[in-house]
Amino acid sequence: MSEIESNVLLTGESGTGKELVAEAIHNSSKKRRGNPYIAINCAAIPDSILESESFGYVKGVFTSAVRDKNGLFEAADKGTLFMDEIGDDTAQFQSKLLRVIESKEIRRVADTSAKQVDVRIIAATNKDIAKMALDGNFRSDLFYRLSVIDIKITPLRDRKEDIPLLLEYFLKDSVRQMGKNVTGISGEAKKILSAYDWPGNVRELKNSIERAVALTNNIVLNAEDFLLAQDHFRRRANAKN
């Protein structure tokens, strides 16, 4: 995918690691890696603010607008904009986003002039956006513009072979951030973690590693460092009784 610059749509359950995939796609792009990677959660921002955050605004348009402000599209110029929860966008914002994709221009709120931008969009949603488009609940023309490359990310319970690599990745990241002297995870803990179904998907796995690293006094994380492992042992003990 390093030679492909088309927009990408990532779909899958909440917490499956869509942003990790988006970052990997950005970093594998020969054209865009090394340039900005900007992420925005569309569902977390009110529609009235989403437009100004995405496209920017000019001085004086709001009471608090004391200067011109660049939007996220300008910040991501020559790079990638990851738009999470794209299925929650309103029809009004969808229309403006479609215009940006087609024209490759953005217009700041209340501005009279447009500016060219070169941005690759990677969008993500946990909704059935294809069905939403068929039902008229999402613009079909925007859906086709976003889903040039359509990647469905399966839940972690269906790809448990990825768990060992994710454990290693999240452990290194947590140790780096916290400065803890933790060098690995015991074989017993890995076995339990790999057998667990992870209903919260990759997000739950990441949080479990962070919690274990934060609270442990061990150099190597063992099963007792993980709450889900403790629950497993309690259930096993109760079954024996």
Foldseek 3Di string as FASTA:
>chain_A
DQDDQAAAEEEAAAQACLVVVVVVNQCSHPQARVADEEEDEPVVDDQVVVQCQAAWAAAPPDPPRNGTDGHVQVSQFSGEYEYEAPLPHDPVVLVQVLVCLVVQWGAHVPHPDIDHGDYHYYYYHHDPVVVCCVVVNHPPVSVCRNHVPYHYRYFCLVVLVCVVVLLVVLLVVLCVVVVAQADEEDPQLSVVSSNDNPPSGSNVVSVQSNQLRVPDPDNYHYLVSGPVSVVVVVVVVVVVD
